[in-house]
Protein backbone atom coordinates (compact mmCIF):
# COMPACT_ATOMS: atom_id res chain seq x y z
CA UNK A 1 -15.79 -1.76 -18.89
CA UNK A 2 -17.64 -1.40 -15.75
CA UNK A 3 -16.81 2.18 -14.11
CA UNK A 4 -17.78 0.90 -10.70
CA UNK A 5 -14.58 -0.62 -10.12
CA UNK A 6 -15.20 -0.94 -6.45
CA UNK A 7 -17.70 -4.13 -7.61
CA UNK A 8 -15.01 -5.93 -9.05
CA UNK A 9 -12.71 -5.77 -5.59
CA UNK A 10 -12.37 -8.99 -3.46
CA UNK A 11 -14.31 -9.23 -0.30
CA UNK A 12 -11.84 -8.18 2.76
CA UNK A 13 -11.59 -11.01 5.44
CA UNK A 14 -12.22 -10.07 8.98
CA UNK A 15 -9.05 -9.94 10.93
CA UNK A 16 -8.38 -9.87 14.46
CA UNK A 17 -6.62 -6.30 15.58
CA UNK A 18 -3.52 -7.98 17.06
CA UNK A 19 -2.70 -9.90 13.87
CA UNK A 20 -3.43 -7.33 11.66
CA UNK A 21 -1.03 -4.38 13.53
CA UNK A 22 1.49 -7.14 13.91
CA UNK A 23 4.41 -7.02 11.79
CA UNK A 24 4.03 -8.87 8.36
CA UNK A 25 7.13 -11.39 8.16
CA UNK A 26 7.17 -12.83 4.53
CA UNK A 27 6.72 -16.76 5.05
CA UNK A 28 6.00 -19.72 2.79
CA UNK A 29 2.25 -19.31 3.50
CA UNK A 30 2.24 -15.56 2.59
CA UNK A 31 5.60 -14.61 0.50
CA UNK A 32 6.91 -11.42 -0.53
CA UNK A 33 5.97 -10.73 -4.06
CA UNK A 34 6.41 -8.20 -6.99
CA UNK A 35 2.50 -7.78 -6.25
CA UNK A 36 2.85 -6.42 -2.68
CA UNK A 37 6.28 -4.79 -3.54
CA UNK A 38 4.36 -2.86 -6.14
CA UNK A 39 1.38 -2.50 -3.59
CA UNK A 40 3.71 -0.56 -1.32
CA UNK A 41 4.90 1.25 -4.05
CA UNK A 42 1.61 2.76 -5.07
CA UNK A 43 0.52 3.40 -1.59
CA UNK A 44 3.60 5.17 0.16
CA UNK A 45 4.52 6.84 -3.45
CA UNK A 46 3.44 7.01 -7.00
CA UNK A 47 4.35 3.74 -8.27
CA UNK A 48 7.77 1.78 -9.17
CA UNK A 49 10.11 1.12 -11.75
CA UNK A 50 11.41 -2.06 -12.91
CA UNK A 51 14.60 -1.45 -11.26
CA UNK A 52 13.01 -0.25 -7.92
CA UNK A 53 10.36 -3.32 -8.17
CA UNK A 54 13.48 -5.81 -8.32
CA UNK A 55 15.56 -4.44 -5.68
CA UNK A 56 12.34 -4.55 -3.36
CA UNK A 57 11.51 -7.80 -4.27
CA UNK A 58 15.47 -8.58 -3.47
CA UNK A 59 15.39 -7.29 0.01
CA UNK A 60 12.10 -7.40 1.03
CA UNK A 61 9.13 -5.27 2.94
CA UNK A 62 11.07 -4.53 6.22
CA UNK A 63 14.16 -2.61 4.11
CA UNK A 64 11.94 -0.63 1.58
CA UNK A 65 9.85 0.68 4.18
CA UNK A 66 13.18 1.60 5.94
CA UNK A 67 14.04 3.22 2.95
CA UNK A 68 11.15 5.05 2.04
CA UNK A 69 11.44 6.91 5.79
CA UNK A 70 15.45 7.70 4.69
CA UNK A 71 14.74 11.19 4.17
CA UNK A 72 18.38 12.17 5.21
CA UNK A 73 19.76 10.56 2.21
CA UNK A 74 21.95 12.96 -0.31
CA UNK A 75 19.66 15.04 -2.38
CA UNK A 76 20.61 14.80 -6.12
CA UNK A 77 21.32 18.57 -7.02
CA UNK A 78 18.92 18.52 -9.85
CA UNK A 79 15.95 17.66 -7.55
CA UNK A 80 17.06 20.40 -4.84
CA UNK A 81 16.91 22.84 -8.45
CA UNK A 82 13.40 22.48 -8.10
CA UNK A 83 13.16 24.47 -4.72
CA UNK A 84 14.57 27.25 -6.67
CA UNK A 85 12.52 26.95 -9.69
CA UNK A 86 9.58 26.92 -7.73
CA UNK A 87 10.09 30.06 -5.59
CA UNK A 88 10.67 31.74 -9.33
CA UNK A 89 7.10 30.49 -10.83
CA UNK A 90 5.29 31.51 -7.32
CA UNK A 91 6.78 34.77 -7.98
CA UNK A 92 5.43 35.08 -11.37
CA UNK A 93 1.62 34.43 -10.26
CA UNK A 94 0.95 31.35 -11.82
CA UNK A 95 -0.94 28.11 -10.16
CA UNK A 96 -0.87 26.29 -13.21
CA UNK A 97 2.83 26.33 -13.49
CA UNK A 98 3.25 25.66 -9.69
CA UNK A 99 0.81 22.80 -10.14
CA UNK A 100 3.25 21.53 -13.08
CA UNK A 101 6.52 21.72 -11.03
CA UNK A 102 4.89 20.05 -7.93
CA UNK A 103 4.42 17.02 -10.74
CA UNK A 104 8.02 17.17 -11.56
CA UNK A 105 8.81 16.60 -7.83
CA UNK A 106 6.80 14.06 -7.61
CA UNK A 107 8.34 12.06 -10.60
CA UNK A 108 12.10 13.04 -9.66
CA UNK A 109 11.42 13.07 -5.63
CA UNK A 110 13.89 10.61 -3.96
CA UNK A 111 11.26 10.78 -1.24
CA UNK A 112 7.94 9.45 -2.49
CA UNK A 113 6.48 8.71 0.78
CA UNK A 114 7.07 12.49 1.86
CA UNK A 115 5.28 13.52 -1.17
CA UNK A 116 2.47 11.19 -1.11
CA UNK A 117 1.58 12.62 2.43
CA UNK A 118 1.82 16.06 1.53
CA UNK A 119 -0.56 15.20 -1.05
CA UNK A 120 -2.69 13.84 1.77
CA UNK A 121 -2.64 16.79 4.05
CA UNK A 122 -3.09 19.18 1.19
CA UNK A 123 -6.42 17.48 0.66
CA UNK A 124 -6.74 17.19 4.65
CA UNK A 125 -6.84 21.00 5.06
CA UNK A 126 -8.73 22.03 1.80
CA UNK A 127 -6.83 25.39 1.13
CA UNK A 128 -7.74 27.02 -2.22
CA UNK A 129 -5.43 29.05 -4.36
CA UNK A 130 -9.13 30.36 -5.53
CA UNK A 131 -9.78 32.01 -1.97
CA UNK A 132 -5.98 32.76 -1.27
CA UNK A 133 -4.98 34.57 -4.68
CA UNK A 134 -1.70 34.46 -3.91
CA UNK A 135 1.05 32.00 -5.28
CA UNK A 136 4.01 32.80 -3.22
CA UNK A 137 1.57 32.12 -0.02
CA UNK A 138 0.21 28.64 -1.48
CA UNK A 139 3.98 27.84 -2.62
CA UNK A 140 4.64 28.32 0.95
CA UNK A 141 1.37 26.51 2.58
CA UNK A 142 2.31 23.42 0.66
CA UNK A 143 6.23 23.75 1.70
CA UNK A 144 4.91 23.97 5.15
CA UNK A 145 2.89 21.00 4.60
CA UNK A 146 5.94 18.97 3.34
CA UNK A 147 8.09 20.14 6.46
CA UNK A 148 5.15 18.67 8.63
CA UNK A 149 4.16 15.72 6.67
CA UNK A 150 5.58 12.97 8.75
CA UNK A 151 6.16 14.91 12.16
CA UNK A 152 4.11 15.67 15.17
CA UNK A 153 0.47 16.47 14.30
CA UNK A 154 -0.01 19.17 17.11
CA UNK A 155 2.81 20.73 15.75
CA UNK A 156 1.42 20.88 12.39
CA UNK A 157 -1.95 22.27 13.26
CA UNK A 158 -0.15 25.27 15.30
CA UNK A 159 1.87 25.71 12.14
CA UNK A 160 -0.81 25.85 10.17
CA UNK A 161 -2.74 28.01 12.30
CA UNK A 162 -0.10 30.88 11.81
CA UNK A 163 0.07 30.24 7.75
CA UNK A 164 -1.37 33.08 5.86
CA UNK A 165 -2.53 31.05 3.23
CA UNK A 166 -5.03 28.69 5.90
CA UNK A 167 -6.19 32.07 7.43
CA UNK A 168 -6.69 33.58 3.86
CA UNK A 169 -8.81 30.51 2.57
CA UNK A 170 -11.23 30.26 5.37
CA UNK A 171 -11.82 33.89 5.68
CA UNK A 172 -9.88 34.35 8.97
CA UNK A 173 -7.53 36.61 7.97
CA UNK A 174 -8.67 38.85 10.91
CA UNK A 175 -9.32 38.46 14.46
CA UNK A 176 -10.44 40.98 16.86
CA UNK A 177 -11.16 40.92 20.32
CA UNK A 178 -14.61 42.08 20.00
CA UNK A 179 -15.00 40.87 16.89
CA UNK A 180 -13.61 37.20 17.34
CA UNK A 181 -13.56 35.07 13.95
CA UNK A 182 -14.61 32.05 13.85
CA UNK A 183 -13.98 29.97 10.84
CA UNK A 184 -10.43 28.45 11.80
CA UNK A 185 -11.91 27.43 15.51
CA UNK A 186 -14.81 25.58 13.58
CA UNK A 187 -12.63 23.91 11.00
CA UNK A 188 -9.94 22.85 13.63
CA UNK A 189 -13.00 21.18 16.23
CA UNK A 190 -15.34 19.81 13.11
CA UNK A 191 -12.68 18.32 10.43
CA UNK A 192 -9.36 18.22 12.02
CA UNK A 193 -9.94 17.08 15.27
CA UNK A 194 -12.66 16.14 17.50
CA UNK A 195 -15.34 15.91 14.67
CA UNK A 196 -19.22 16.97 14.40
CA UNK A 197 -21.48 16.55 17.25
CA UNK A 198 -18.83 16.15 19.60
CA UNK A 199 -18.35 20.14 20.24
CA UNK A 200 -20.81 22.50 20.18
CA UNK A 201 -21.19 26.22 19.31
CA UNK A 202 -19.81 27.83 22.87
CA UNK A 203 -16.78 25.43 22.48
CA UNK A 204 -16.32 27.66 18.77
CA UNK A 205 -16.84 31.07 20.34
CA UNK A 206 -14.56 30.10 23.23
CA UNK A 207 -11.99 29.20 20.86
CA UNK A 208 -11.83 31.66 18.44
CA UNK A 209 -11.53 33.97 21.12
CA UNK A 210 -8.19 32.55 22.00
CA UNK A 211 -6.83 32.98 17.82
CA UNK A 212 -7.82 36.78 18.52
CA UNK A 213 -5.09 39.47 17.27
CA UNK A 214 -3.77 37.62 14.41
CA UNK A 215 -4.35 39.51 10.93
CA UNK A 216 -2.95 38.68 7.23
CA UNK A 217 -1.80 42.03 6.18
CA UNK A 218 -0.47 42.40 2.61
CA UNK A 219 -0.01 38.62 2.51
CA UNK A 220 1.80 38.85 6.14
CA UNK A 221 0.90 37.97 9.27
CA UNK A 222 1.05 40.32 12.11
CA UNK A 223 -0.25 39.86 15.86
CA UNK A 224 -1.22 42.35 17.76
CA UNK A 225 -1.64 41.91 21.37
CA UNK A 226 -4.25 44.90 21.99
CA UNK A 227 -6.76 42.99 20.13
CA UNK A 228 -5.62 39.50 22.04
CA UNK A 229 -8.45 38.49 24.73
CA UNK A 230 -6.74 37.09 27.25
CA UNK A 231 -9.57 36.42 29.01
CA UNK A 232 -10.52 32.89 30.70
CA UNK A 233 -12.03 30.73 28.03
CA UNK A 234 -13.73 27.17 28.40
CA UNK A 235 -13.28 24.66 25.76
CA UNK A 236 -14.82 21.35 25.77
CA UNK A 237 -15.15 21.68 29.74
CA UNK A 238 -11.43 22.71 30.64
CA UNK A 239 -11.39 26.68 31.88
CA UNK A 240 -8.30 28.96 31.55
CA UNK A 241 -6.39 31.76 29.76
CA UNK A 242 -6.19 29.70 26.96
CA UNK A 243 -3.63 30.65 23.65
CA UNK A 244 -3.27 28.76 20.20
CA UNK A 245 -1.25 26.26 21.16
CA UNK A 246 -3.61 25.44 24.34
CA UNK A 247 -6.49 25.39 22.15
CA UNK A 248 -4.64 22.59 19.74
CA UNK A 249 -3.75 20.72 22.83
CA UNK A 250 -7.35 20.36 24.24
CA UNK A 251 -8.89 19.22 21.29
CA UNK A 252 -6.37 16.59 20.75
CA UNK A 253 -6.65 15.52 23.80
CA UNK A 254 -10.60 14.74 23.36
CA UNK A 255 -10.35 10.96 22.83
CA UNK A 256 -12.05 10.93 19.69
CA UNK A 257 -9.58 13.15 17.78
CA UNK A 258 -7.34 10.65 17.37
CA UNK A 259 -10.02 8.19 15.75
CA UNK A 260 -10.75 11.02 13.54
CA UNK A 261 -7.21 11.12 12.34
CA UNK A 262 -6.88 7.22 12.25
CA UNK A 263 -9.82 6.87 10.19
CA UNK A 264 -8.53 9.20 7.26
CA UNK A 265 -5.17 7.46 7.60
CA UNK A 266 -7.05 4.27 6.72
CA UNK A 267 -8.50 5.61 3.85
CA UNK A 268 -5.55 6.69 2.42
CA UNK A 269 -3.27 3.79 3.23
CA UNK A 270 -5.41 0.60 3.89
CA UNK A 271 -8.68 0.63 1.92
CA UNK A 272 -11.62 3.22 0.93
CA UNK A 273 -14.00 0.56 0.47
CA UNK A 274 -14.63 -0.86 3.62
CA UNK A 275 -15.29 1.36 6.92
CA UNK A 276 -13.03 -0.47 9.86
CA UNK A 277 -14.36 -1.13 12.78
CA UNK A 278 -13.82 0.41 16.11
CA UNK A 279 -12.14 -2.77 17.25
CA UNK A 280 -9.54 -2.93 14.32
CA UNK A 281 -8.91 0.91 13.95
CA UNK A 282 -8.09 1.23 17.71
CA UNK A 283 -4.75 0.22 18.07
CA UNK A 284 -3.89 2.74 15.17
CA UNK A 285 -5.60 5.45 16.88
CA UNK A 286 -3.68 4.09 20.34
CA UNK A 287 -0.50 4.86 18.37
CA UNK A 288 -1.91 8.55 17.19
CA UNK A 289 -3.06 9.36 20.80
CA UNK A 290 0.12 8.52 22.69
CA UNK A 291 1.52 11.98 21.01
CA UNK A 292 0.50 12.29 17.21
CA UNK A 293 3.44 11.18 15.85
CA UNK A 294 2.30 10.93 12.33
CA UNK A 295 5.56 8.87 11.13
CA UNK A 296 5.04 6.30 13.52
CA UNK A 297 1.52 5.84 13.09
CA UNK A 298 2.30 5.90 8.71
CA UNK A 299 5.19 3.01 9.60
CA UNK A 300 3.00 0.87 12.10
CA UNK A 301 0.59 0.85 8.66
CA UNK A 302 2.71 0.43 6.15
CA UNK A 303 4.66 -2.46 8.26
CA UNK A 304 1.24 -4.03 9.26
CA UNK A 305 0.01 -7.79 8.29
CA UNK A 306 -2.98 -5.81 7.56
CA UNK A 307 -1.12 -3.39 4.80
CA UNK A 308 -0.17 -6.76 2.88
CA UNK A 309 -3.72 -8.59 3.08
CA UNK A 310 -6.83 -8.98 0.84
CA UNK A 311 -8.30 -6.11 3.63
CA UNK A 312 -5.96 -3.43 1.95
CA UNK A 313 -4.81 -5.02 -2.06
CA UNK A 314 -6.52 -2.70 -4.48
CA UNK A 315 -9.05 -1.15 -2.04
CA UNK A 316 -8.54 2.11 -3.58
CA UNK A 317 -8.92 3.82 -6.85
CA UNK A 318 -6.11 5.46 -8.22
CA UNK A 319 -6.65 9.66 -8.20
CA UNK A 320 -5.58 11.34 -11.18
CA UNK A 321 -2.20 12.30 -9.84
CA UNK A 322 -1.80 8.77 -9.08
CA UNK A 323 -3.08 7.53 -12.34
CA UNK A 324 -0.71 9.93 -14.74
CA UNK A 325 2.49 9.61 -12.40
CA UNK A 326 1.95 6.00 -12.17
CA UNK A 327 2.55 5.82 -15.95
CA UNK A 328 5.49 8.48 -15.87
CA UNK A 329 7.48 6.96 -13.00
CA UNK A 330 7.01 3.11 -14.26
CA UNK A 331 8.52 4.14 -17.65
CA UNK A 332 11.23 6.50 -16.15
CA UNK A 333 10.13 9.02 -18.46
CA UNK A 334 9.92 12.73 -18.60
CA UNK A 335 7.24 14.27 -19.97
CA UNK A 336 5.73 17.85 -19.82
CA UNK A 337 4.24 18.49 -16.57
CA UNK A 338 2.63 21.21 -17.88
CA UNK A 339 0.78 19.17 -20.22
CA UNK A 340 0.14 16.64 -17.57
CA UNK A 341 -1.21 19.20 -14.89
CA UNK A 342 -3.61 20.38 -17.47
CA UNK A 343 -4.89 16.88 -18.04
CA UNK A 344 -5.17 15.60 -14.32
CA UNK A 345 -7.07 19.08 -13.45
CA UNK A 346 -9.52 17.87 -16.19
CA UNK A 347 -9.62 14.41 -14.70
CA UNK A 348 -11.31 16.31 -11.35
CA UNK A 349 -7.85 16.94 -9.36
CA UNK A 350 -6.59 20.18 -9.50
CA UNK A 351 -3.31 20.84 -7.59
CA UNK A 352 -3.67 23.92 -5.31
CA UNK A 353 -7.24 23.94 -6.09
CA UNK A 354 -8.96 21.22 -3.65
CA UNK A 355 -13.10 21.52 -4.99
CA UNK A 356 -13.80 22.59 -1.69
CA UNK A 357 -12.91 23.09 2.06
CA UNK A 358 -13.38 19.14 2.21
CA UNK A 359 -10.69 18.44 -0.23
CA UNK A 360 -10.73 15.89 -2.63
CA UNK A 361 -13.79 12.75 -1.58
CA UNK A 362 -11.42 9.86 -3.72
CA UNK A 363 -12.65 6.45 -4.15
CA UNK A 364 -16.15 6.83 -6.55
CA UNK A 365 -15.91 9.96 -7.47
CA UNK A 366 -13.01 9.71 -9.34
CA UNK A 367 -14.46 7.18 -11.64
CA UNK A 368 -17.57 8.14 -14.04
CA UNK A 369 -18.11 7.28 -17.91
CA UNK A 370 -16.63 10.60 -18.37
CA UNK A 371 -13.21 10.37 -16.36
CA UNK A 372 -13.14 7.18 -17.43
CA UNK A 373 -12.87 7.99 -21.11
CA UNK A 374 -10.76 10.53 -20.26
CA UNK A 375 -8.15 8.07 -18.52
CA UNK A 376 -7.96 6.33 -21.49
CA UNK A 377 -6.98 9.54 -23.59
CA UNK A 378 -4.32 10.50 -21.44
CA UNK A 379 -3.06 7.01 -21.48
CA UNK A 380 -3.25 7.31 -25.37
CA UNK A 381 -1.31 10.56 -25.12
CA UNK A 382 1.27 9.55 -23.06
CA UNK A 383 2.41 6.74 -24.87
CA UNK A 384 1.63 7.91 -28.71
CA UNK A 385 4.80 8.51 -30.81
CA UNK A 386 4.04 11.96 -31.39
CA UNK A 387 1.26 14.59 -30.05
CA UNK A 388 0.88 17.03 -27.00
CA UNK A 389 3.60 14.94 -24.92
CA UNK A 390 5.95 14.96 -27.77
CA UNK A 391 6.47 10.75 -27.74
CA UNK A 392 8.90 11.45 -25.16
CA UNK A 393 7.47 8.42 -22.47
CA UNK A 394 8.12 5.23 -24.73
CA UNK A 395 8.09 1.86 -23.53
CA UNK A 396 10.77 0.53 -26.08
CA UNK A 397 13.51 2.77 -24.33
CA UNK A 398 12.44 1.08 -20.73
CA UNK A 399 12.44 -2.79 -22.35
CA UNK A 400 16.03 -2.00 -23.74
CA UNK A 401 17.37 -0.75 -20.58
CA UNK A 402 16.49 -4.02 -19.31
CA UNK A 403 17.37 -6.03 -22.02
CA UNK A 404 13.98 -7.04 -23.06
CA UNK A 405 14.62 -8.09 -26.77
CA UNK A 406 12.09 -10.01 -28.18
CA UNK A 407 7.94 -9.51 -28.25
CA UNK A 408 7.30 -11.70 -25.34
CA UNK A 409 10.10 -10.55 -22.98
CA UNK A 410 9.02 -7.21 -23.56
CA UNK A 411 5.31 -7.73 -23.15
CA UNK A 412 6.20 -9.63 -19.67
CA UNK A 413 8.37 -6.33 -18.69
CA UNK A 414 5.51 -3.98 -19.32
CA UNK A 415 2.87 -6.40 -17.62
CA UNK A 416 5.09 -6.67 -14.74
CA UNK A 417 5.94 -2.76 -14.35
CA UNK A 418 2.79 -1.46 -14.74
CA UNK A 419 0.30 -4.46 -13.16
CA UNK A 420 2.78 -6.83 -11.54
CA UNK A 421 2.12 -9.77 -13.41
CA UNK A 422 -1.16 -9.89 -11.49
CA UNK A 423 -4.31 -10.07 -13.83
CA UNK A 424 -7.33 -11.94 -13.97
CA UNK A 425 -6.82 -15.20 -16.08
CA UNK A 426 -9.66 -14.18 -18.77
CA UNK A 427 -7.72 -10.98 -19.03
CA UNK A 428 -4.22 -12.37 -19.11
CA UNK A 429 -5.34 -14.78 -22.20
CA UNK A 430 -6.69 -11.93 -24.15
CA UNK A 431 -3.40 -9.95 -23.76
CA UNK A 432 -1.07 -12.69 -24.40
CA UNK A 433 -3.40 -13.36 -27.95
CA UNK A 434 -1.88 -10.37 -29.69
CA UNK A 435 1.48 -10.89 -28.77
CA UNK A 436 3.27 -12.03 -31.58
CA UNK A 437 6.85 -14.19 -32.09
CA UNK A 438 10.04 -13.55 -32.51
CA UNK A 439 12.20 -10.19 -32.27
CA UNK A 440 10.63 -6.57 -32.02
CA UNK A 441 10.54 -5.48 -35.38
CA UNK A 442 7.72 -2.85 -35.17
CA UNK A 443 8.28 -0.04 -32.16
CA UNK A 444 4.73 1.10 -32.23
CA UNK A 445 3.32 -2.09 -31.31
CA UNK A 446 4.74 -2.22 -28.16
CA UNK A 447 3.43 1.56 -27.59
CA UNK A 448 -0.07 0.25 -28.53
CA UNK A 449 0.23 -3.01 -26.09
CA UNK A 450 1.52 -0.98 -23.42
CA UNK A 451 -1.29 1.44 -23.68
CA UNK A 452 -3.64 -1.54 -23.47
CA UNK A 453 -2.60 -2.22 -20.49
CA UNK A 454 -3.28 1.21 -18.93
CA UNK A 455 -6.82 1.34 -19.93
CA UNK A 456 -7.71 -1.97 -18.36
CA UNK A 457 -9.71 -1.64 -14.74
CA UNK A 458 -6.89 -3.38 -12.64
CA UNK A 459 -4.74 -0.37 -13.31
CA UNK A 460 -6.62 2.18 -12.41
CA UNK A 461 -6.89 0.53 -8.54
CA UNK A 462 -4.50 1.48 -6.41
C-alpha cells in the first residue's frame, strides 16, 4: 500500500471564481449523491452514520448545511453532562482524561461543525498544556475556542489575548511598562493576521506596549494600570494611544490579514493538496475582510460549487482524530475514549498538546510507514471482538439496526457508510470476491470485512 496517498488523488480542475463560490444546486449534470453527502459530513464533522447519510441524501445539501449551523437546537441532557464531567476532570489535573472527554464530546455532539471548528482553532493557536501546566486553564482555553469558533475573528483575538492559557503558553504572563513582553504581539502579527514579511520589528515592539499591564498570577489574569504604557504607539503606519482591541483592529485592517485566514480555511475545508490562486481565493478573503464573520465564511465554503467539485473531494488526509472518530461515529458506537485518546496521540495528534505553537501541519505529516501500520492496528483493535476496546464497536449491531439480513446487504451497508460506495473498480472487485452468499452465520466475518474497509487507502482520505 502506498503511503503517499496524495499521489492517488485526481488532479483538480481549474475553476473560475464566480462559478467556484456560487451556491451548489444539484442538477442532472451534477446530482446530489451519497458520495457528496459523505464528503460534507467528513469535512464539517467527523463522518456520518447510516441514518444521517440517508437523511442527507433525501433532504439535499442546503438543508443539511442549515442543520449543521443550527446551534440553538435542544441539547440532550447526556451531552450537557459532559460540561460538568470535563470540569471535574480538569480539577483533577489530568490532561489525558480531558482529551478522552473531548473525544467523547466529538462522538456525542449534536453540533459536529462546532466541534470541528474548535479543533481547527486549537491547531491555529497552538497552545500546549505542556507549557501552561494547568488543566483547568487548558479546559477554559478550549471552551473559549468553542464559544468563538464560528463568531467574529476580532472578538476571538481580543478574547484570546486575555486568556491566561494563551499568555502562559506563549511565555507572555508578565508585561511591564518598563519591559513590554513581545511574545503575543509577535504571534498575533506573524501567524494570526498579517503574516511574516508584512510587518517590522518596530511594529512588534510598539504593539507590545499596548499589551502592558497584564499579568497572569496564580492562574488568574490581573491588570495593573500603573504598568500600562499609555503613550502614543505607531503600528503598521498608524499612530495613537492604542490598547489591545485597537491593535487587533489595526492588524486585521491590513489587506493581507483576511487572505492569511482564508488560506487556512481553504486548507481545512477544501484542499491541502493544491495552493489556491489569489484570484480563486479573493472572494473568500473579501467575505472575511468585510467584518471577519467566520461562520459566514465557512457557510460560503460549505454551500459552494467548489466544495462539491473534484477540487475538494478527497483532497485531504484524515488526521488521527478524524480517522478514529470517523469509525466510531459511522458505526454509532461508544468505546473507551481513554484508550482512543492514547491511540490517536500515538498517531501524532495529542489533544491539548499540539507539537508546536504552529499546531499540527497535517497533510503528508500524518502519513508514513509507521503511522500507516498504527492506523491499521487501531482499526483492527476497534473492530476486534475483544481486547482493549472490549468488542463494543460491532458492525453486526449496525446492520441489524438497519435490517440488513444477509452477507451481501450487510457488506453493502458497510461500504456505503464508510466509503459511500465510492471505490476504484479494481478495489471493489476484490472486495466483493470475499462476500459469501446467504444469511450471515458467522458474526466475526462482518467484523473482519469492515476492518478491511478501514485499511484501504480511500478511507484515509477526507
